[in-house]
Every structure is written in C-alpha cells, then in structure tokens.
Protein backbone atom coordinates (compact mmCIF):
# COMPACT_ATOMS: atom_id res chain seq x y z
CA MET A 1 17.38 18.19 5.81
CA PHE A 2 19.22 17.75 2.49
CA TYR A 3 19.22 15.14 -0.26
CA LEU A 4 21.16 14.41 -3.41
CA TYR A 5 19.32 15.39 -6.60
CA LYS A 6 21.09 14.92 -9.95
CA ASP A 7 24.47 15.28 -8.21
CA ARG A 8 23.36 18.52 -6.55
CA ILE A 9 22.64 19.06 -2.86
CA VAL A 10 19.13 20.46 -2.45
CA GLN A 11 17.30 21.62 0.68
CA ILE A 12 13.67 20.65 1.21
CA ASN A 13 10.87 23.02 2.12
CA LYS A 14 10.83 24.07 5.77
CA LYS A 15 7.12 23.60 6.48
CA ILE A 16 4.22 22.00 4.65
CA GLN A 17 0.51 22.76 4.98
CA ILE A 18 -1.97 20.30 3.47
CA ASP A 19 -5.73 20.65 2.99
CA GLY A 20 -7.20 17.20 3.63
CA ARG A 21 -10.08 17.89 1.22
CA HIS A 22 -7.82 17.95 -1.82
CA GLY A 23 -8.66 15.51 -4.59
CA GLU A 24 -9.81 12.16 -3.27
CA GLY A 25 -9.57 13.62 0.24
CA GLY A 26 -9.17 10.38 2.19
CA GLY A 27 -6.74 8.59 4.44
CA GLN A 28 -4.04 8.01 1.82
CA LEU A 29 -3.46 11.73 1.55
CA LEU A 30 -2.77 11.82 5.30
CA ARG A 31 -0.52 8.75 5.30
CA THR A 32 1.61 9.96 2.40
CA ALA A 33 1.98 13.39 3.98
CA LEU A 34 3.01 11.83 7.30
CA THR A 35 5.53 9.57 5.58
CA LEU A 36 7.16 12.43 3.70
CA SER A 37 7.09 14.69 6.73
CA SER A 38 8.91 11.99 8.71
CA LEU A 39 11.32 11.09 5.93
CA CYS A 40 12.28 14.68 5.13
CA GLN A 41 12.02 15.85 8.76
CA VAL A 42 9.67 18.66 7.77
CA PRO A 43 6.86 19.90 10.06
CA LEU A 44 3.36 19.15 8.74
CA TYR A 45 0.15 21.03 9.40
CA MET A 46 -2.97 19.38 8.02
CA ASN A 47 -6.58 20.51 8.30
CA HIS A 48 -9.92 19.14 7.06
CA ILE A 49 -8.51 15.62 7.55
CA ARG A 50 -10.38 13.08 5.39
CA GLY A 51 -12.62 15.98 4.46
CA ASN A 52 -14.28 14.23 1.53
CA ARG A 53 -15.45 11.22 3.55
CA LYS A 54 -18.95 10.69 4.98
CA LYS A 55 -17.35 10.52 8.43
CA PRO A 56 -14.37 12.89 8.21
CA GLY A 57 -11.61 13.11 10.77
CA LEU A 58 -9.17 10.59 12.18
CA ARG A 59 -10.04 6.91 12.70
CA SER A 60 -8.10 4.32 14.70
CA GLN A 61 -5.85 3.15 11.87
CA HIS A 62 -4.99 6.76 10.99
CA LEU A 63 -4.11 7.41 14.62
CA LEU A 64 -1.77 4.45 14.60
CA ALA A 65 -0.03 5.73 11.47
CA ILE A 66 0.49 9.02 13.33
CA THR A 67 1.63 7.48 16.62
CA SER A 68 3.89 4.91 14.97
CA LEU A 69 5.71 7.53 12.91
CA ALA A 70 5.79 9.84 15.92
CA THR A 71 7.46 7.05 17.90
CA ILE A 72 10.00 6.36 15.16
CA THR A 73 10.87 10.06 14.69
CA LYS A 74 10.28 11.30 18.27
CA ALA A 75 7.82 13.78 16.80
CA GLU A 76 5.87 16.43 18.66
CA VAL A 77 2.19 15.98 17.80
CA GLN A 78 -0.98 17.97 18.35
CA GLY A 79 -4.48 16.87 17.35
CA ALA A 80 -3.94 13.10 17.31
CA THR A 81 -7.36 12.08 18.64
CA ILE A 82 -10.35 10.22 17.21
CA ASP A 83 -12.48 12.49 14.97
CA SER A 84 -9.83 15.23 14.95
CA HIS A 85 -9.88 17.34 11.78
CA GLU A 86 -6.54 19.07 12.35
CA LEU A 87 -3.03 17.79 12.97
CA ILE A 88 0.37 19.29 13.69
CA PHE A 89 3.22 16.81 13.24
CA GLU A 90 6.81 17.93 13.90
CA PRO A 91 9.20 15.02 13.39
CA GLY A 92 12.77 14.64 14.58
CA GLU A 93 15.43 12.22 13.42
CA ILE A 94 14.64 8.64 12.41
CA HIS A 95 15.22 6.05 15.14
CA GLU A 96 15.51 2.47 13.93
CA GLY A 97 14.70 -0.41 16.27
CA ASN A 98 12.17 -3.05 17.26
CA TYR A 99 8.62 -1.73 17.48
CA SER A 100 5.21 -3.21 18.26
CA PHE A 101 1.97 -1.42 17.40
CA HIS A 102 -1.65 -2.38 18.10
CA ILE A 103 -4.48 -0.81 16.10
CA GLY A 104 -7.16 -2.06 18.49
CA THR A 105 -9.72 -2.59 15.69
CA ALA A 106 -9.81 -4.23 12.27
CA GLY A 107 -7.94 -1.25 10.86
CA SER A 108 -5.51 -2.19 8.12
CA THR A 109 -2.08 -3.39 9.23
CA SER A 110 -0.89 -3.09 5.63
CA LEU A 111 -1.68 0.62 5.38
CA VAL A 112 0.06 1.37 8.67
CA LEU A 113 3.10 -0.65 7.61
CA GLN A 114 3.27 1.12 4.26
CA ALA A 115 3.43 4.48 6.00
CA MET A 116 6.53 3.33 7.90
CA ILE A 117 8.47 1.50 5.18
CA PRO A 118 9.98 4.52 3.33
CA VAL A 119 10.99 6.11 6.63
CA LEU A 120 12.75 3.05 8.02
CA LEU A 121 14.40 2.28 4.68
CA ALA A 122 16.20 5.59 5.21
CA GLY A 123 17.46 4.56 8.65
CA LYS A 124 20.99 3.57 9.55
CA MET A 125 20.15 0.04 10.70
CA PRO A 126 17.43 -2.60 10.07
CA SER A 127 14.17 -2.44 12.03
CA GLN A 128 11.67 -5.06 13.12
CA ILE A 129 7.98 -4.21 13.28
CA GLN A 130 4.97 -6.08 14.67
CA ILE A 131 1.45 -4.78 14.02
CA THR A 132 -1.89 -6.20 15.17
CA GLY A 133 -5.20 -5.35 13.51
CA GLY A 134 -6.83 -6.27 10.20
CA THR A 135 -4.81 -8.22 7.64
CA HIS A 136 -7.59 -8.88 5.11
CA VAL A 137 -10.09 -6.02 5.35
CA PRO A 138 -12.03 -3.80 2.92
CA TRP A 139 -10.50 -0.76 1.21
CA SER A 140 -6.89 -1.76 1.76
CA PRO A 141 -4.27 -4.11 0.30
CA SER A 142 -4.27 -7.51 1.95
CA PHE A 143 -1.24 -9.08 3.60
CA HIS A 144 -0.84 -11.35 0.58
CA TYR A 145 -0.94 -8.42 -1.83
CA ILE A 146 1.85 -6.69 0.07
CA LYS A 147 3.93 -9.87 0.30
CA THR A 148 3.57 -11.19 -3.25
CA VAL A 149 2.95 -8.08 -5.39
CA PHE A 150 4.29 -4.92 -3.76
CA LEU A 151 7.39 -6.07 -1.86
CA PRO A 152 9.01 -7.97 -4.76
CA VAL A 153 8.81 -4.81 -6.88
CA LEU A 154 10.23 -2.73 -4.04
CA LYS A 155 13.11 -5.20 -3.78
CA THR A 156 14.03 -4.65 -7.42
CA MET A 157 14.36 -0.96 -6.55
CA GLY A 158 16.69 -1.71 -3.65
CA GLY A 159 14.19 -1.79 -0.79
CA ASN A 160 14.52 -5.04 1.15
CA VAL A 161 11.46 -5.74 3.32
CA THR A 162 10.15 -9.12 4.43
CA ILE A 163 6.82 -9.82 6.14
CA GLU A 164 5.19 -12.81 7.79
CA ILE A 165 1.71 -13.41 9.16
CA ASP A 166 1.00 -15.07 12.50
CA LYS A 167 -2.77 -14.63 12.63
CA TRP A 168 -5.28 -13.37 10.10
CA GLY A 169 -7.49 -10.42 11.00
CA TRP A 170 -10.90 -9.90 9.39
CA TYR A 171 -13.49 -7.16 9.74
CA PRO A 172 -14.90 -6.45 12.30
CA LYS A 173 -12.91 -8.36 14.97
CA GLY A 174 -9.41 -7.73 13.68
CA GLY A 175 -6.82 -9.32 15.95
CA GLY A 176 -4.53 -10.28 13.09
CA SER A 177 -0.77 -10.08 13.54
CA ILE A 178 2.02 -9.43 11.05
CA ARG A 179 5.79 -9.11 11.46
CA ALA A 180 8.11 -7.15 9.19
CA VAL A 181 11.85 -6.70 8.86
CA ILE A 182 12.82 -3.48 7.09
CA LYS A 183 16.46 -3.26 6.07
CA ASN A 184 17.98 0.14 5.54
CA THR A 185 19.01 1.06 2.02
CA GLN A 186 21.64 3.32 0.50
CA GLY A 187 19.23 4.47 -2.16
CA LEU A 188 16.51 3.33 -4.55
CA LYS A 189 16.79 2.57 -8.26
CA ALA A 190 14.32 3.66 -10.93
CA ILE A 191 11.72 1.22 -12.25
CA HIS A 192 10.40 0.68 -15.75
CA PHE A 193 6.97 -0.91 -16.22
CA SER A 194 6.24 -0.09 -19.85
CA ASN A 195 5.72 -3.49 -21.51
CA ARG A 196 3.63 -6.15 -19.78
CA GLY A 197 4.57 -9.08 -21.98
CA LYS A 198 3.12 -12.57 -21.63
CA LEU A 199 1.60 -14.05 -18.49
CA ARG A 200 4.18 -16.20 -16.73
CA TYR A 201 2.29 -17.17 -13.59
CA LEU A 202 -1.22 -16.97 -12.17
CA HIS A 203 -1.96 -18.25 -8.69
CA ILE A 204 -5.33 -18.39 -6.95
CA LEU A 205 -5.43 -18.38 -3.14
CA SER A 206 -8.80 -19.18 -1.58
CA ALA A 207 -8.97 -18.93 2.21
CA VAL A 208 -11.44 -19.09 5.08
CA SER A 209 -11.27 -18.67 8.84
CA ASN A 210 -13.67 -20.39 11.23
CA LEU A 211 -15.99 -21.32 8.37
CA PRO A 212 -16.46 -24.56 6.41
CA LEU A 213 -13.53 -25.28 4.10
CA SER A 214 -16.08 -26.06 1.40
CA ILE A 215 -16.59 -22.29 1.02
CA ALA A 216 -12.95 -21.87 0.02
CA GLU A 217 -13.29 -24.80 -2.37
CA ARG A 218 -16.35 -23.24 -4.00
CA GLN A 219 -14.50 -19.93 -4.39
CA ARG A 220 -11.59 -21.73 -6.03
CA ASP A 221 -13.82 -23.78 -8.32
CA GLN A 222 -15.78 -20.74 -9.45
CA SER A 223 -12.63 -18.76 -10.20
CA ILE A 224 -11.23 -21.60 -12.32
CA LYS A 225 -14.53 -21.74 -14.19
CA ARG A 226 -14.55 -17.97 -14.77
CA LEU A 227 -11.02 -18.03 -16.21
CA GLU A 228 -11.44 -21.07 -18.46
CA HIS A 229 -12.03 -19.02 -21.60
CA LEU A 230 -8.64 -17.35 -21.18
CA ARG A 231 -6.81 -20.71 -21.14
CA LEU A 232 -4.38 -19.52 -18.47
CA LYS A 233 -3.96 -22.70 -16.37
CA PRO A 234 -3.67 -21.11 -12.91
CA THR A 235 -2.22 -22.87 -9.89
CA THR A 236 -4.38 -22.90 -6.76
CA SER A 237 -4.11 -23.25 -3.00
CA ILE A 238 -6.63 -23.52 -0.17
CA ALA A 239 -6.00 -22.08 3.30
CA ASN A 240 -7.82 -22.64 6.58
CA ALA A 241 -6.40 -19.56 8.25
CA PRO A 242 -6.00 -19.06 12.02
CA SER A 243 -8.03 -16.08 13.23
CA TYR A 244 -10.18 -14.76 16.07
CA GLY A 245 -12.95 -13.95 13.62
CA GLN A 246 -14.66 -15.32 10.55
CA GLY A 247 -13.85 -14.39 6.99
CA THR A 248 -13.16 -15.49 3.44
CA VAL A 249 -10.97 -14.15 0.66
CA LEU A 250 -10.07 -15.03 -2.90
CA PHE A 251 -6.77 -13.56 -4.11
CA LEU A 252 -5.30 -13.77 -7.62
CA HIS A 253 -1.61 -13.04 -8.15
CA ALA A 254 -0.69 -12.47 -11.80
CA GLN A 255 2.97 -12.25 -12.80
CA PHE A 256 3.80 -11.19 -16.35
CA GLU A 257 7.12 -10.96 -18.17
CA GLY A 258 7.25 -7.24 -17.50
CA GLY A 259 4.33 -6.51 -15.19
CA VAL A 260 2.37 -7.68 -12.17
CA GLY A 261 -1.03 -7.40 -10.54
CA GLY A 262 -3.02 -8.57 -7.55
CA PHE A 263 -6.81 -8.91 -7.40
CA SER A 264 -8.89 -9.90 -4.41
CA SER A 265 -12.40 -10.08 -3.04
CA LEU A 266 -13.61 -10.53 0.53
CA GLY A 267 -16.63 -12.46 1.69
CA LYS A 268 -19.38 -10.98 3.81
CA LYS A 269 -22.77 -11.98 5.14
CA GLY A 270 -25.18 -12.56 2.27
CA LYS A 271 -22.43 -12.79 -0.35
CA SER A 272 -22.02 -16.24 -1.87
CA ALA A 273 -18.69 -17.96 -2.44
CA GLU A 274 -19.33 -17.71 -6.16
CA GLU A 275 -19.86 -13.95 -5.93
CA VAL A 276 -16.60 -13.57 -4.02
CA ALA A 277 -14.76 -15.39 -6.80
CA ASP A 278 -16.58 -13.45 -9.52
CA ASP A 279 -15.59 -10.08 -8.06
CA ALA A 280 -11.88 -10.93 -7.97
CA CYS A 281 -11.97 -12.53 -11.42
CA ASN A 282 -13.79 -9.55 -12.91
CA GLU A 283 -11.02 -7.25 -11.71
CA PHE A 284 -8.34 -9.53 -13.13
CA ILE A 285 -10.11 -9.91 -16.49
CA LYS A 286 -10.55 -6.14 -16.75
CA PHE A 287 -6.81 -5.72 -16.17
CA PHE A 288 -5.91 -8.57 -18.52
CA ASP A 289 -7.96 -6.99 -21.31
CA SER A 290 -6.38 -3.56 -20.77
CA ASN A 291 -2.99 -2.16 -21.75
CA GLY A 292 -2.02 -1.84 -18.10
CA VAL A 293 1.38 -3.17 -17.07
CA ILE A 294 0.67 -2.95 -13.33
CA ASP A 295 -2.65 -2.74 -11.49
CA ILE A 296 -4.08 0.53 -10.21
CA HIS A 297 -3.32 -0.20 -6.55
CA LEU A 298 0.34 -0.94 -7.21
CA ALA A 299 0.60 2.33 -9.13
CA ASP A 300 -0.71 4.12 -6.02
CA GLN A 301 1.94 2.47 -3.90
CA LEU A 302 4.91 2.95 -6.23
CA VAL A 303 4.72 6.65 -7.13
CA LEU A 304 6.30 7.71 -3.83
CA TYR A 305 9.24 5.37 -4.38
CA MET A 306 9.57 6.55 -7.97
CA ALA A 307 9.93 10.12 -6.70
CA LEU A 308 12.56 9.04 -4.17
CA ALA A 309 14.54 6.84 -6.57
CA ARG A 310 17.56 7.89 -8.59
CA GLY A 311 16.77 8.29 -12.29
CA ARG A 312 13.64 8.40 -14.43
CA SER A 313 10.94 5.86 -13.64
CA THR A 314 8.05 4.82 -15.87
CA LEU A 315 4.88 2.84 -15.27
CA ILE A 316 1.71 2.16 -17.22
CA THR A 317 -1.39 1.31 -15.24
CA GLU A 318 -4.82 0.31 -16.53
CA ARG A 319 -6.33 3.69 -15.68
CA ILE A 320 -5.47 6.91 -13.84
CA THR A 321 -7.60 7.16 -10.69
CA GLU A 322 -8.40 10.15 -8.51
CA HIS A 323 -6.71 8.29 -5.67
CA LEU A 324 -3.49 8.12 -7.68
CA LEU A 325 -3.65 11.78 -8.73
CA THR A 326 -4.16 12.83 -5.11
CA ASN A 327 -1.16 10.81 -4.00
CA ILE A 328 0.97 12.40 -6.71
CA TRP A 329 -0.20 15.86 -5.67
CA VAL A 330 0.89 15.29 -2.07
CA ILE A 331 4.31 14.06 -3.17
CA GLU A 332 4.79 17.17 -5.29
CA GLN A 333 4.06 19.36 -2.24
CA PHE A 334 7.07 17.90 -0.43
CA LEU A 335 9.58 17.11 -3.16
CA PRO A 336 10.87 19.07 -6.18
CA VAL A 337 9.46 16.61 -8.69
CA THR A 338 6.86 16.93 -11.44
CA PHE A 339 5.11 13.81 -12.66
CA ASP A 340 4.30 13.47 -16.35
CA ILE A 341 0.82 11.94 -16.61
CA GLU A 342 -0.88 10.64 -19.76
CA ARG A 343 -4.49 9.99 -18.82
CA GLU A 344 -5.34 8.29 -22.11
CA THR A 345 -2.60 5.67 -21.88
CA GLY A 346 -2.23 5.37 -18.10
CA LYS A 347 1.46 6.26 -18.39
CA ILE A 348 3.25 8.01 -15.52
CA GLU A 349 6.87 9.17 -15.52
CA VAL A 350 9.02 11.10 -13.08
CA ASP A 351 12.66 12.01 -12.53
CA GLY A 352 13.40 10.86 -8.99
CA ILE A 353 15.48 12.90 -6.55
CA GLY A 354 17.90 10.16 -5.52
CA PHE A 355 17.02 10.46 -1.82
CA ARG A 356 19.47 8.82 0.55
C-alpha cells in the first residue's frame, strides 16, 4: 500500500506488532490500531489486549470493531473471541457498501462507528452503516457528541459523514440504533485550533427515557442555575427519548469562534438530577476557565485525522491526557509522522501525510 506524502510516494510498513499494555492500555489503543491496519492494509498482531484494565481482553464492543472492519476489508482474523488477549488481523482491500452491525449489549455504537469512519472515507463510493447497541453509555462519546461536536469538525477537513438516531440505548439494556452515511473523500485538509475566541453558542440538552419528564426539567434547571455566574444565556431543549431501557443525560454543546467542546453526564441509580447537571457543568466550567480550544475528547478523536490530512495541523486542548498520548503513540507506529507535543500548553502539531 502506498500514499502521497509531501508530493512523494511512500510505502508503509509491512507488518505491525502492538503491545496492548502500552500507555493507557485500553480499548482505544486496539480500535486505532485496527483502523490503521485496515486503512493501510497492513497486518496487525496485538498481544496483552486491554492489558491495563481490571478485566483485560476483548469485550463485546471490541469484538464488533474487529468483525465490522474484518467485514469491510475481508480480513483474515485469529483470536477474535471474548476475553482473548491476542489478535491477528490481516486486512484486504476496502469494500464499500451497506452494512448492519449489532453489538448485542450496551457497548458503544459511537466507538464502533469511529473505528470505521476513516476506513470508509478512503473507499471509492459512499457507504451506509446501521449499528445497534448503546448510544448514551459511560466511557464513550454519546450520539449527540458525535453528531454536534465531532462530525462538523471532520466536515471542515473534507470528511462528510451524517448520522441519525432511531432509538436511544442506555446501560445496561442497550438496544439503541443509529444510522450513518459515510461519503468517500479525495483527501483531508489540515485543521487549526489555536485560538478559541468568544463563545458563540451554548446549548443544553436534557433527556430521559421511560422516566418522569420532571427529571429532565430538574437537570435543565440546575444547569442553568450553575451557569448563571458566567452570564452565557444558553438555549435549552428537553427530550423524552424512545428506548427499551431507562436513562437520563445532560449534554452541553459549546461553540466558540475558533473552538468547540461537548460535555455530558449520565444518570444512574442513586444519582440525583441535580448531580447529573452538576457533573456536566463542572466539566464545561473547567474547560471554559482553561486555555483549551477544543475539549480533551475531541483531541483524542482528531489526532488520527490530523496525521492523515495534507499539511500541518495544530490544536490546543485543555490538558494532555494519557489516553491522548497512547493514541498518538499507536498512530506513530503505523505512519511516518512525529507529533510535536507541548504538555504545558496542551498544544499538539503534526505534518500530515496527505493520505488518499
């Protein structure tokens, strides 16, 4: 496999071996490695999968990331079973099309989708994807984060992806359903998030499923109260979301002149509506008071696209996390890029390879 890099044709490495204990040592390391293996058509051998977790090995949502990319690339796979600590993934060419995937649990639909997006962007035709599982679950970006924060930024780079939600999926029942259309691209452009500027827009979404709507109203009211001292005048919306299970979420979408962030909190048994709102607002206020231009989760999601884009990209996030450093490390194992990282300022820069 070859790609264009600074007007030169460069060949990628022929085989990649990854130790799943590196850095943060979780599922993102696996997903990024699978994505790059599929995109570059390079065999991947990974051991000690999720080696730094209390329960290491593959879980259902990780299996779906493997099987979905294996389906798209007609890969030969060994070790794709629950609790497996080793994986051999040998991808073939990318096959666009219409695909439907079912996690079977409340595993994150967003994380599975994100593993596929870079691969299908490199296809020759658009693809349509349907995924069932969790849409608003712990330790992953929610559907609304992907739709309102991540995808608009990706579009400015030249990646056109649209998503819709048919049913919300909460932990532990899952059963949510999302649809995505991923249009192929001829290449990605560099991004520059170096000056946040003034806040242009702040929206608060408060939602419940199969619970009294008054809970969503209390979440909304508490968030407005918590943000009063900032004099930001947010807009708000309440949703009574269709779902098989019960759940609540408060999501804040902040759009600045030159930056963006998303901040959310999920309800759970024993956690009051006010506490749900407080958690999301605390994250937003922390970001608002920082020099960050984009939030830490968006930084995680964008570094791969920065490496693939043509030209030098820059972002400033509120802090450099171990999760982010691990993701960067994996990218550097596959691609001839070196990220410049300033821990004190949260600044990250890289010269992308112009993959197409």
